[in-house]
Amino acid sequence: MKPPAVAMLFRAVALAEAGSWLLLLGGMFVKYVLGDSERGVQMFGPVHGGVFMLYLVVTVVAWRVLRWDHRTTFLALAASVPPLATIWFDRWATRTGALPAPEPVPAS
């Protein structure tokens, strides 16, 4: 895979990981705070787990293709744990040049 394609894939999966965290947190709020239903956790727990695993795999691919150092790779992996930290990592990695900036789409 080429670096721009890996960067785009990484960004998409990082965003999906953050979104699945939000869905799971919403389900946990309904279950534990409102005491209403376990349905959200039952639905979004496995979704988040699957996206989390995909994020880990894509991070390893990005490490290899984008030639990340150990610090950058560690931060990417650690960002998968706190909610929404993958978005922070995406912005940090773009700002520092570890993740190639997305190419602008020409206007039609």
PDB file of N, CA and C in Angstrom:
ATOM      1  N   MET A   1       0.835  -1.179   0.000  1.00  0.00           N
ATOM      2  CA  MET A   1       0.000   0.000   0.000  1.00  0.00           C
ATOM      3  C   MET A   1       0.883   1.246   0.000  1.00  0.00           C
ATOM      4  N   LYS A   2       0.390   2.278  -0.623  1.00  0.00           N
ATOM      5  CA  LYS A   2       1.128   3.532  -0.696  1.00  0.00           C
ATOM      6  C   LYS A   2       0.811   4.390   0.531  1.00  0.00           C
ATOM      7  N   PRO A   3       1.771   5.224   0.972  1.00  0.00           N
ATOM      8  CA  PRO A   3       1.563   6.045   2.170  1.00  0.00           C
ATOM      9  C   PRO A   3       0.280   6.881   2.173  1.00  0.00           C
ATOM     10  N   PRO A   4      -0.096   7.560   1.069  1.00  0.00           N
ATOM     11  CA  PRO A   4      -1.353   8.327   1.140  1.00  0.00           C
ATOM     12  C   PRO A   4      -2.579   7.439   1.396  1.00  0.00           C
ATOM     13  N   ALA A   5      -2.592   6.244   0.824  1.00  0.00           N
ATOM     14  CA  ALA A   5      -3.723   5.333   1.035  1.00  0.00           C
ATOM     15  C   ALA A   5      -3.750   4.844   2.485  1.00  0.00           C
ATOM     16  N   VAL A   6      -2.585   4.549   3.032  1.00  0.00           N
ATOM     17  CA  VAL A   6      -2.516   4.109   4.428  1.00  0.00           C
ATOM     18  C   VAL A   6      -2.948   5.240   5.355  1.00  0.00           C
ATOM     19  N   ALA A   7      -2.519   6.457   5.056  1.00  0.00           N
ATOM     20  CA  ALA A   7      -2.913   7.604   5.876  1.00  0.00           C
ATOM     21  C   ALA A   7      -4.428   7.799   5.844  1.00  0.00           C
ATOM     22  N   MET A   8      -5.027   7.676   4.668  1.00  0.00           N
ATOM     23  CA  MET A   8      -6.480   7.835   4.558  1.00  0.00           C
ATOM     24  C   MET A   8      -7.206   6.717   5.318  1.00  0.00           C
ATOM     25  N   LEU A   9      -6.714   5.481   5.186  1.00  0.00           N
ATOM     26  CA  LEU A   9      -7.306   4.362   5.910  1.00  0.00           C
ATOM     27  C   LEU A   9      -7.174   4.575   7.415  1.00  0.00           C
ATOM     28  N   PHE A  10      -5.992   4.997   7.845  1.00  0.00           N
ATOM     29  CA  PHE A  10      -5.781   5.233   9.274  1.00  0.00           C
ATOM     30  C   PHE A  10      -6.755   6.282   9.793  1.00  0.00           C
ATOM     31  N   ARG A  11      -6.900   7.383   9.059  1.00  0.00           N
ATOM     32  CA  ARG A  11      -7.818   8.442   9.491  1.00  0.00           C
ATOM     33  C   ARG A  11      -9.254   7.930   9.594  1.00  0.00           C
ATOM     34  N   ALA A  12      -9.675   7.156   8.607  1.00  0.00           N
ATOM     35  CA  ALA A  12     -11.052   6.637   8.612  1.00  0.00           C
ATOM     36  C   ALA A  12     -11.282   5.711   9.805  1.00  0.00           C
ATOM     37  N   VAL A  13     -10.324   4.829  10.068  1.00  0.00           N
ATOM     38  CA  VAL A  13     -10.485   3.886  11.175  1.00  0.00           C
ATOM     39  C   VAL A  13     -10.376   4.609  12.513  1.00  0.00           C
ATOM     40  N   ALA A  14      -9.503   5.616  12.607  1.00  0.00           N
ATOM     41  CA  ALA A  14      -9.390   6.397  13.846  1.00  0.00           C
ATOM     42  C   ALA A  14     -10.701   7.123  14.146  1.00  0.00           C
ATOM     43  N   LEU A  15     -11.316   7.668  13.123  1.00  0.00           N
ATOM     44  CA  LEU A  15     -12.608   8.339  13.307  1.00  0.00           C
ATOM     45  C   LEU A  15     -13.690   7.325  13.698  1.00  0.00           C
ATOM     46  N   ALA A  16     -13.684   6.167  13.059  1.00  0.00           N
ATOM     47  CA  ALA A  16     -14.656   5.121  13.397  1.00  0.00           C
ATOM     48  C   ALA A  16     -14.453   4.641  14.837  1.00  0.00           C
ATOM     49  N   GLU A  17     -13.206   4.543  15.268  1.00  0.00           N
ATOM     50  CA  GLU A  17     -12.915   4.103  16.633  1.00  0.00           C
ATOM     51  C   GLU A  17     -13.466   5.115  17.634  1.00  0.00           C
ATOM     52  N   ALA A  18     -13.261   6.392  17.351  1.00  0.00           N
ATOM     53  CA  ALA A  18     -13.791   7.443  18.227  1.00  0.00           C
ATOM     54  C   ALA A  18     -15.327   7.420  18.231  1.00  0.00           C
ATOM     55  N   GLY A  19     -15.919   7.246  17.065  1.00  0.00           N
ATOM     56  CA  GLY A  19     -17.381   7.179  16.981  1.00  0.00           C
ATOM     57  C   GLY A  19     -17.956   5.987  17.719  1.00  0.00           C
ATOM     58  N   SER A  20     -17.290   4.841  17.606  1.00  0.00           N
ATOM     59  CA  SER A  20     -17.779   3.656  18.316  1.00  0.00           C
ATOM     60  C   SER A  20     -17.634   3.831  19.828  1.00  0.00           C
ATOM     61  N   TRP A  21     -16.609   4.573  20.259  1.00  0.00           N
ATOM     62  CA  TRP A  21     -16.463   4.900  21.677  1.00  0.00           C
ATOM     63  C   TRP A  21     -17.665   5.716  22.148  1.00  0.00           C
ATOM     64  N   LEU A  22     -18.046   6.717  21.340  1.00  0.00           N
ATOM     65  CA  LEU A  22     -19.198   7.553  21.717  1.00  0.00           C
ATOM     66  C   LEU A  22     -20.476   6.726  21.838  1.00  0.00           C
ATOM     67  N   LEU A  23     -20.674   5.825  20.884  1.00  0.00           N
ATOM     68  CA  LEU A  23     -21.867   4.971  20.939  1.00  0.00           C
ATOM     69  C   LEU A  23     -21.848   4.087  22.183  1.00  0.00           C
ATOM     70  N   LEU A  24     -20.684   3.507  22.478  1.00  0.00           N
ATOM     71  CA  LEU A  24     -20.582   2.660  23.667  1.00  0.00           C
ATOM     72  C   LEU A  24     -20.782   3.484  24.934  1.00  0.00           C
ATOM     73  N   LEU A  25     -20.204   4.667  24.998  1.00  0.00           N
ATOM     74  CA  LEU A  25     -20.408   5.519  26.176  1.00  0.00           C
ATOM     75  C   LEU A  25     -21.881   5.893  26.350  1.00  0.00           C
ATOM     76  N   GLY A  26     -22.562   6.144  25.233  1.00  0.00           N
ATOM     77  CA  GLY A  26     -23.999   6.408  25.302  1.00  0.00           C
ATOM     78  C   GLY A  26     -24.758   5.214  25.848  1.00  0.00           C
ATOM     79  N   GLY A  27     -24.414   4.026  25.378  1.00  0.00           N
ATOM     80  CA  GLY A  27     -25.040   2.806  25.885  1.00  0.00           C
ATOM     81  C   GLY A  27     -24.761   2.600  27.367  1.00  0.00           C
ATOM     82  N   MET A  28     -23.529   2.922  27.791  1.00  0.00           N
ATOM     83  CA  MET A  28     -23.179   2.776  29.206  1.00  0.00           C
ATOM     84  C   MET A  28     -23.930   3.799  30.062  1.00  0.00           C
ATOM     85  N   PHE A  29     -24.130   4.989  29.527  1.00  0.00           N
ATOM     86  CA  PHE A  29     -24.900   6.009  30.243  1.00  0.00           C
ATOM     87  C   PHE A  29     -26.328   5.521  30.478  1.00  0.00           C
ATOM     88  N   VAL A  30     -26.932   4.993  29.442  1.00  0.00           N
ATOM     89  CA  VAL A  30     -28.312   4.497  29.570  1.00  0.00           C
ATOM     90  C   VAL A  30     -28.371   3.341  30.566  1.00  0.00           C
ATOM     91  N   LYS A  31     -27.392   2.451  30.504  1.00  0.00           N
ATOM     92  CA  LYS A  31     -27.408   1.285  31.385  1.00  0.00           C
ATOM     93  C   LYS A  31     -27.120   1.653  32.836  1.00  0.00           C
ATOM     94  N   TYR A  32     -26.048   2.395  33.081  1.00  0.00           N
ATOM     95  CA  TYR A  32     -25.594   2.600  34.451  1.00  0.00           C
ATOM     96  C   TYR A  32     -26.146   3.857  35.118  1.00  0.00           C
ATOM     97  N   VAL A  33     -26.393   4.916  34.366  1.00  0.00           N
ATOM     98  CA  VAL A  33     -26.887   6.152  34.974  1.00  0.00           C
ATOM     99  C   VAL A  33     -28.407   6.160  34.996  1.00  0.00           C
ATOM    100  N   LEU A  34     -28.997   5.876  33.845  1.00  0.00           N
ATOM    101  CA  LEU A  34     -30.463   5.877  33.789  1.00  0.00           C
ATOM    102  C   LEU A  34     -31.052   4.564  34.288  1.00  0.00           C
ATOM    103  N   GLY A  35     -30.232   3.507  34.312  1.00  0.00           N
ATOM    104  CA  GLY A  35     -30.711   2.211  34.777  1.00  0.00           C
ATOM    105  C   GLY A  35     -31.838   1.667  33.939  1.00  0.00           C
ATOM    106  N   ASP A  36     -31.859   2.030  32.666  1.00  0.00           N
ATOM    107  CA  ASP A  36     -32.994   1.718  31.818  1.00  0.00           C
ATOM    108  C   ASP A  36     -32.826   0.404  31.061  1.00  0.00           C
ATOM    109  N   SER A  37     -31.730   0.256  30.328  1.00  0.00           N
ATOM    110  CA  SER A  37     -31.611  -0.890  29.440  1.00  0.00           C
ATOM    111  C   SER A  37     -30.145  -1.224  29.188  1.00  0.00           C
ATOM    112  N   GLU A  38     -29.877  -2.486  28.961  1.00  0.00           N
ATOM    113  CA  GLU A  38     -28.535  -2.932  28.603  1.00  0.00           C
ATOM    114  C   GLU A  38     -28.361  -3.009  27.091  1.00  0.00           C
ATOM    115  N   ARG A  39     -29.387  -2.708  26.356  1.00  0.00           N
ATOM    116  CA  ARG A  39     -29.389  -2.881  24.899  1.00  0.00           C
ATOM    117  C   ARG A  39     -28.240  -2.153  24.206  1.00  0.00           C
ATOM    118  N   GLY A  40     -27.978  -0.895  24.611  1.00  0.00           N
ATOM    119  CA  GLY A  40     -26.912  -0.118  23.978  1.00  0.00           C
ATOM    120  C   GLY A  40     -25.550  -0.746  24.168  1.00  0.00           C
ATOM    121  N   VAL A  41     -25.279  -1.227  25.369  1.00  0.00           N
ATOM    122  CA  VAL A  41     -23.995  -1.875  25.643  1.00  0.00           C
ATOM    123  C   VAL A  41     -23.903  -3.186  24.874  1.00  0.00           C
ATOM    124  N   GLN A  42     -24.996  -3.920  24.818  1.00  0.00           N
ATOM    125  CA  GLN A  42     -24.995  -5.189  24.083  1.00  0.00           C
ATOM    126  C   GLN A  42     -24.769  -4.974  22.594  1.00  0.00           C
ATOM    127  N   MET A  43     -25.281  -3.877  22.059  1.00  0.00           N
ATOM    128  CA  MET A  43     -25.119  -3.592  20.630  1.00  0.00           C
ATOM    129  C   MET A  43     -23.764  -2.965  20.330  1.00  0.00           C
ATOM    130  N   PHE A  44     -23.411  -1.938  21.081  1.00  0.00           N
ATOM    131  CA  PHE A  44     -22.240  -1.146  20.733  1.00  0.00           C
ATOM    132  C   PHE A  44     -20.941  -1.668  21.332  1.00  0.00           C
ATOM    133  N   GLY A  45     -21.023  -2.521  22.339  1.00  0.00           N
ATOM    134  CA  GLY A  45     -19.810  -3.130  22.890  1.00  0.00           C
ATOM    135  C   GLY A  45     -19.064  -3.949  21.843  1.00  0.00           C
ATOM    136  N   PRO A  46     -19.727  -4.879  21.177  1.00  0.00           N
ATOM    137  CA  PRO A  46     -19.043  -5.655  20.141  1.00  0.00           C
ATOM    138  C   PRO A  46     -18.609  -4.810  18.935  1.00  0.00           C
ATOM    139  N   VAL A  47     -19.403  -3.800  18.603  1.00  0.00           N
ATOM    140  CA  VAL A  47     -19.020  -2.906  17.495  1.00  0.00           C
ATOM    141  C   VAL A  47     -17.720  -2.202  17.845  1.00  0.00           C
ATOM    142  N   HIS A  48     -17.667  -1.631  19.046  1.00  0.00           N
ATOM    143  CA  HIS A  48     -16.453  -0.937  19.475  1.00  0.00           C
ATOM    144  C   HIS A  48     -15.271  -1.905  19.541  1.00  0.00           C
ATOM    145  N   GLY A  49     -15.505  -3.092  20.049  1.00  0.00           N
ATOM    146  CA  GLY A  49     -14.427  -4.083  20.130  1.00  0.00           C
ATOM    147  C   GLY A  49     -13.853  -4.417  18.762  1.00  0.00           C
ATOM    148  N   GLY A  50     -14.724  -4.582  17.779  1.00  0.00           N
ATOM    149  CA  GLY A  50     -14.264  -4.885  16.424  1.00  0.00           C
ATOM    150  C   GLY A  50     -13.503  -3.725  15.802  1.00  0.00           C
ATOM    151  N   VAL A  51     -14.009  -2.514  15.977  1.00  0.00           N
ATOM    152  CA  VAL A  51     -13.336  -1.333  15.419  1.00  0.00           C
ATOM    153  C   VAL A  51     -12.014  -1.105  16.152  1.00  0.00           C
ATOM    154  N   PHE A  52     -11.978  -1.360  17.445  1.00  0.00           N
ATOM    155  CA  PHE A  52     -10.750  -1.250  18.229  1.00  0.00           C
ATOM    156  C   PHE A  52      -9.681  -2.193  17.672  1.00  0.00           C
ATOM    157  N   MET A  53     -10.055  -3.428  17.420  1.00  0.00           N
ATOM    158  CA  MET A  53      -9.094  -4.397  16.874  1.00  0.00           C
ATOM    159  C   MET A  53      -8.625  -3.968  15.481  1.00  0.00           C
ATOM    160  N   LEU A  54      -9.537  -3.469  14.663  1.00  0.00           N
ATOM    161  CA  LEU A  54      -9.170  -2.976  13.343  1.00  0.00           C
ATOM    162  C   LEU A  54      -8.199  -1.807  13.462  1.00  0.00           C
ATOM    163  N   TYR A  55      -8.433  -0.913  14.408  1.00  0.00           N
ATOM    164  CA  TYR A  55      -7.534   0.217  14.632  1.00  0.00           C
ATOM    165  C   TYR A  55      -6.129  -0.272  14.972  1.00  0.00           C
ATOM    166  N   LEU A  56      -6.027  -1.288  15.817  1.00  0.00           N
ATOM    167  CA  LEU A  56      -4.718  -1.827  16.180  1.00  0.00           C
ATOM    168  C   LEU A  56      -3.996  -2.373  14.956  1.00  0.00           C
ATOM    169  N   VAL A  57      -4.711  -3.111  14.107  1.00  0.00           N
ATOM    170  CA  VAL A  57      -4.106  -3.675  12.896  1.00  0.00           C
ATOM    171  C   VAL A  57      -3.664  -2.561  11.946  1.00  0.00           C
ATOM    172  N   VAL A  58      -4.522  -1.577  11.737  1.00  0.00           N
ATOM    173  CA  VAL A  58      -4.186  -0.478  10.834  1.00  0.00           C
ATOM    174  C   VAL A  58      -3.022   0.343  11.396  1.00  0.00           C
ATOM    175  N   THR A  59      -2.928   0.461  12.707  1.00  0.00           N
ATOM    176  CA  THR A  59      -1.795   1.158  13.313  1.00  0.00           C
ATOM    177  C   THR A  59      -0.491   0.429  13.013  1.00  0.00           C
ATOM    178  N   VAL A  60      -0.492  -0.887  13.079  1.00  0.00           N
ATOM    179  CA  VAL A  60       0.708  -1.657  12.754  1.00  0.00           C
ATOM    180  C   VAL A  60       1.063  -1.482  11.274  1.00  0.00           C
ATOM    181  N   VAL A  61       0.067  -1.484  10.411  1.00  0.00           N
ATOM    182  CA  VAL A  61       0.314  -1.246   8.982  1.00  0.00           C
ATOM    183  C   VAL A  61       0.903   0.154   8.788  1.00  0.00           C
ATOM    184  N   ALA A  62       0.325   1.149   9.448  1.00  0.00           N
ATOM    185  CA  ALA A  62       0.829   2.520   9.328  1.00  0.00           C
ATOM    186  C   ALA A  62       2.268   2.606   9.839  1.00  0.00           C
ATOM    187  N   TRP A  63       2.573   1.923  10.926  1.00  0.00           N
ATOM    188  CA  TRP A  63       3.932   1.900  11.466  1.00  0.00           C
ATOM    189  C   TRP A  63       4.918   1.418  10.413  1.00  0.00           C
ATOM    190  N   ARG A  64       4.540   0.363   9.712  1.00  0.00           N
ATOM    191  CA  ARG A  64       5.440  -0.202   8.702  1.00  0.00           C
ATOM    192  C   ARG A  64       5.523   0.676   7.452  1.00  0.00           C
ATOM    193  N   VAL A  65       4.385   1.058   6.916  1.00  0.00           N
ATOM    194  CA  VAL A  65       4.366   1.790   5.640  1.00  0.00           C
ATOM    195  C   VAL A  65       4.839   3.228   5.815  1.00  0.00           C
ATOM    196  N   LEU A  66       4.404   3.887   6.878  1.00  0.00           N
ATOM    197  CA  LEU A  66       4.761   5.289   7.088  1.00  0.00           C
ATOM    198  C   LEU A  66       6.079   5.446   7.847  1.00  0.00           C
ATOM    199  N   ARG A  67       6.664   4.324   8.236  1.00  0.00           N
ATOM    200  CA  ARG A  67       7.964   4.299   8.929  1.00  0.00           C
ATOM    201  C   ARG A  67       7.962   5.127  10.210  1.00  0.00           C
ATOM    202  N   TRP A  68       6.926   4.902  11.026  1.00  0.00           N
ATOM    203  CA  TRP A  68       6.838   5.595  12.294  1.00  0.00           C
ATOM    204  C   TRP A  68       7.918   5.099  13.238  1.00  0.00           C
ATOM    205  N   ASP A  69       8.393   5.993  14.093  1.00  0.00           N
ATOM    206  CA  ASP A  69       9.329   5.565  15.130  1.00  0.00           C
ATOM    207  C   ASP A  69       8.524   4.927  16.269  1.00  0.00           C
ATOM    208  N   HIS A  70       9.247   4.411  17.266  1.00  0.00           N
ATOM    209  CA  HIS A  70       8.571   3.707  18.362  1.00  0.00           C
ATOM    210  C   HIS A  70       7.679   4.641  19.183  1.00  0.00           C
ATOM    211  N   ARG A  71       8.103   5.885  19.351  1.00  0.00           N
ATOM    212  CA  ARG A  71       7.307   6.838  20.123  1.00  0.00           C
ATOM    213  C   ARG A  71       5.962   7.110  19.448  1.00  0.00           C
ATOM    214  N   THR A  72       5.994   7.375  18.154  1.00  0.00           N
ATOM    215  CA  THR A  72       4.764   7.655  17.408  1.00  0.00           C
ATOM    216  C   THR A  72       3.844   6.442  17.430  1.00  0.00           C
ATOM    217  N   THR A  73       4.410   5.266  17.229  1.00  0.00           N
ATOM    218  CA  THR A  73       3.612   4.034  17.242  1.00  0.00           C
ATOM    219  C   THR A  73       2.988   3.814  18.613  1.00  0.00           C
ATOM    220  N   PHE A  74       3.768   4.027  19.667  1.00  0.00           N
ATOM    221  CA  PHE A  74       3.236   3.878  21.025  1.00  0.00           C
ATOM    222  C   PHE A  74       2.089   4.848  21.267  1.00  0.00           C
ATOM    223  N   LEU A  75       2.265   6.110  20.860  1.00  0.00           N
ATOM    224  CA  LEU A  75       1.194   7.094  21.043  1.00  0.00           C
ATOM    225  C   LEU A  75      -0.063   6.701  20.274  1.00  0.00           C
ATOM    226  N   ALA A  76       0.113   6.188  19.062  1.00  0.00           N
ATOM    227  CA  ALA A  76      -1.048   5.753  18.272  1.00  0.00           C
ATOM    228  C   ALA A  76      -1.774   4.617  18.970  1.00  0.00           C
ATOM    229  N   LEU A  77      -1.023   3.660  19.492  1.00  0.00           N
ATOM    230  CA  LEU A  77      -1.646   2.535  20.191  1.00  0.00           C
ATOM    231  C   LEU A  77      -2.288   2.991  21.502  1.00  0.00           C
ATOM    232  N   ALA A  78      -1.607   3.853  22.237  1.00  0.00           N
ATOM    233  CA  ALA A  78      -2.153   4.342  23.507  1.00  0.00           C
ATOM    234  C   ALA A  78      -3.409   5.186  23.281  1.00  0.00           C
ATOM    235  N   ALA A  79      -3.489   5.858  22.139  1.00  0.00           N
ATOM    236  CA  ALA A  79      -4.648   6.704  21.839  1.00  0.00           C
ATOM    237  C   ALA A  79      -5.922   5.891  21.660  1.00  0.00           C
ATOM    238  N   SER A  80      -5.794   4.589  21.480  1.00  0.00           N
ATOM    239  CA  SER A  80      -6.988   3.761  21.295  1.00  0.00           C
ATOM    240  C   SER A  80      -7.717   3.496  22.611  1.00  0.00           C
ATOM    241  N   VAL A  81      -7.084   3.807  23.731  1.00  0.00           N
ATOM    242  CA  VAL A  81      -7.689   3.482  25.028  1.00  0.00           C
ATOM    243  C   VAL A  81      -8.635   4.574  25.535  1.00  0.00           C
ATOM    244  N   PRO A  82      -8.187   5.837  25.675  1.00  0.00           N
ATOM    245  CA  PRO A  82      -9.134   6.854  26.157  1.00  0.00           C
ATOM    246  C   PRO A  82     -10.133   7.241  25.061  1.00  0.00           C
ATOM    247  N   PRO A  83     -11.357   7.534  25.440  1.00  0.00           N
ATOM    248  CA  PRO A  83     -12.338   7.944  24.433  1.00  0.00           C
ATOM    249  C   PRO A  83     -11.884   9.175  23.650  1.00  0.00           C
ATOM    250  N   LEU A  84     -12.056   9.115  22.355  1.00  0.00           N
ATOM    251  CA  LEU A  84     -11.792  10.200  21.408  1.00  0.00           C
ATOM    252  C   LEU A  84     -10.316  10.568  21.250  1.00  0.00           C
ATOM    253  N   ALA A  85      -9.403   9.853  21.881  1.00  0.00           N
ATOM    254  CA  ALA A  85      -7.977  10.187  21.776  1.00  0.00           C
ATOM    255  C   ALA A  85      -7.417   9.883  20.392  1.00  0.00           C
ATOM    256  N   THR A  86      -8.066   9.023  19.628  1.00  0.00           N
ATOM    257  CA  THR A  86      -7.572   8.748  18.276  1.00  0.00           C
ATOM    258  C   THR A  86      -7.697   9.985  17.392  1.00  0.00           C
ATOM    259  N   ILE A  87      -8.678  10.832  17.668  1.00  0.00           N
ATOM    260  CA  ILE A  87      -8.820  12.081  16.916  1.00  0.00           C
ATOM    261  C   ILE A  87      -7.668  13.015  17.281  1.00  0.00           C
ATOM    262  N   TRP A  88      -7.357  13.093  18.576  1.00  0.00           N
ATOM    263  CA  TRP A  88      -6.209  13.894  19.004  1.00  0.00           C
ATOM    264  C   TRP A  88      -4.939  13.388  18.317  1.00  0.00           C
ATOM    265  N   PHE A  89      -4.728  12.064  18.302  1.00  0.00           N
ATOM    266  CA  PHE A  89      -3.517  11.527  17.694  1.00  0.00           C
ATOM    267  C   PHE A  89      -3.466  11.871  16.208  1.00  0.00           C
ATOM    268  N   ASP A  90      -4.567  11.744  15.513  1.00  0.00           N
ATOM    269  CA  ASP A  90      -4.614  12.076  14.085  1.00  0.00           C
ATOM    270  C   ASP A  90      -4.136  13.507  13.862  1.00  0.00           C
ATOM    271  N   ARG A  91      -4.650  14.430  14.644  1.00  0.00           N
ATOM    272  CA  ARG A  91      -4.264  15.843  14.487  1.00  0.00           C
ATOM    273  C   ARG A  91      -2.796  16.063  14.835  1.00  0.00           C
ATOM    274  N   TRP A  92      -2.345  15.445  15.922  1.00  0.00           N
ATOM    275  CA  TRP A  92      -0.948  15.578  16.326  1.00  0.00           C
ATOM    276  C   TRP A  92      -0.020  14.998  15.262  1.00  0.00           C
ATOM    277  N   ALA A  93      -0.352  13.798  14.768  1.00  0.00           N
ATOM    278  CA  ALA A  93       0.499  13.140  13.770  1.00  0.00           C
ATOM    279  C   ALA A  93       0.525  13.923  12.462  1.00  0.00           C
ATOM    280  N   THR A  94      -0.576  14.538  12.096  1.00  0.00           N
ATOM    281  CA  THR A  94      -0.603  15.369  10.894  1.00  0.00           C
ATOM    282  C   THR A  94       0.250  16.619  11.094  1.00  0.00           C
ATOM    283  N   ARG A  95       0.094  17.240  12.241  1.00  0.00           N
ATOM    284  CA  ARG A  95       0.853  18.459  12.537  1.00  0.00           C
ATOM    285  C   ARG A  95       2.360  18.212  12.576  1.00  0.00           C
ATOM    286  N   THR A  96       2.775  17.049  13.084  1.00  0.00           N
ATOM    287  CA  THR A  96       4.201  16.740  13.202  1.00  0.00           C
ATOM    288  C   THR A  96       4.774  16.086  11.956  1.00  0.00           C
ATOM    289  N   GLY A  97       3.923  15.772  10.988  1.00  0.00           N
ATOM    290  CA  GLY A  97       4.393  15.164   9.749  1.00  0.00           C
ATOM    291  C   GLY A  97       4.458  13.649   9.770  1.00  0.00           C
ATOM    292  N   ALA A  98       4.052  13.023  10.873  1.00  0.00           N
ATOM    293  CA  ALA A  98       4.064  11.563  10.943  1.00  0.00           C
ATOM    294  C   ALA A  98       2.961  10.947  10.085  1.00  0.00           C
ATOM    295  N   LEU A  99       1.907  11.694   9.870  1.00  0.00           N
ATOM    296  CA  LEU A  99       0.779  11.249   9.055  1.00  0.00           C
ATOM    297  C   LEU A  99       0.626  12.248   7.917  1.00  0.00           C
ATOM    298  N   PRO A 100       0.810  11.801   6.672  1.00  0.00           N
ATOM    299  CA  PRO A 100       0.716  12.755   5.556  1.00  0.00           C
ATOM    300  C   PRO A 100      -0.632  13.480   5.539  1.00  0.00           C
ATOM    301  N   ALA A 101      -0.575  14.762   5.285  1.00  0.00           N
ATOM    302  CA  ALA A 101      -1.792  15.567   5.229  1.00  0.00           C
ATOM    303  C   ALA A 101      -2.659  15.096   4.070  1.00  0.00           C
ATOM    304  N   PRO A 102      -3.975  15.103   4.249  1.00  0.00           N
ATOM    305  CA  PRO A 102      -4.846  14.686   3.142  1.00  0.00           C
ATOM    306  C   PRO A 102      -4.727  15.649   1.974  1.00  0.00           C
ATOM    307  N   GLU A 103      -4.768  15.077   0.787  1.00  0.00           N
ATOM    308  CA  GLU A 103      -4.701  15.910  -0.416  1.00  0.00           C
ATOM    309  C   GLU A 103      -6.055  16.574  -0.647  1.00  0.00           C
ATOM    310  N   PRO A 104      -6.050  17.853  -0.998  1.00  0.00           N
ATOM    311  CA  PRO A 104      -7.331  18.541  -1.237  1.00  0.00           C
ATOM    312  C   PRO A 104      -8.029  17.962  -2.470  1.00  0.00           C
ATOM    313  N   VAL A 105      -9.338  17.898  -2.360  1.00  0.00           N
ATOM    314  CA  VAL A 105     -10.152  17.412  -3.479  1.00  0.00           C
ATOM    315  C   VAL A 105     -10.463  18.601  -4.385  1.00  0.00           C
ATOM    316  N   PRO A 106     -10.148  18.490  -5.681  1.00  0.00           N
ATOM    317  CA  PRO A 106     -10.416  19.624  -6.568  1.00  0.00           C
ATOM    318  C   PRO A 106     -11.922  19.864  -6.689  1.00  0.00           C
ATOM    319  N   ALA A 107     -12.272  21.137  -6.733  1.00  0.00           N
ATOM    320  CA  ALA A 107     -13.675  21.518  -6.891  1.00  0.00           C
ATOM    321  C   ALA A 107     -14.115  21.254  -8.327  1.00  0.00           C
ATOM    322  N   SER A 108     -15.347  20.802  -8.494  1.00  0.00           N
ATOM    323  CA  SER A 108     -15.842  20.519  -9.844  1.00  0.00           C
ATOM    324  C   SER A 108     -16.440  21.733 -10.458  1.00  0.00           C
TER     325      SER A 108
END
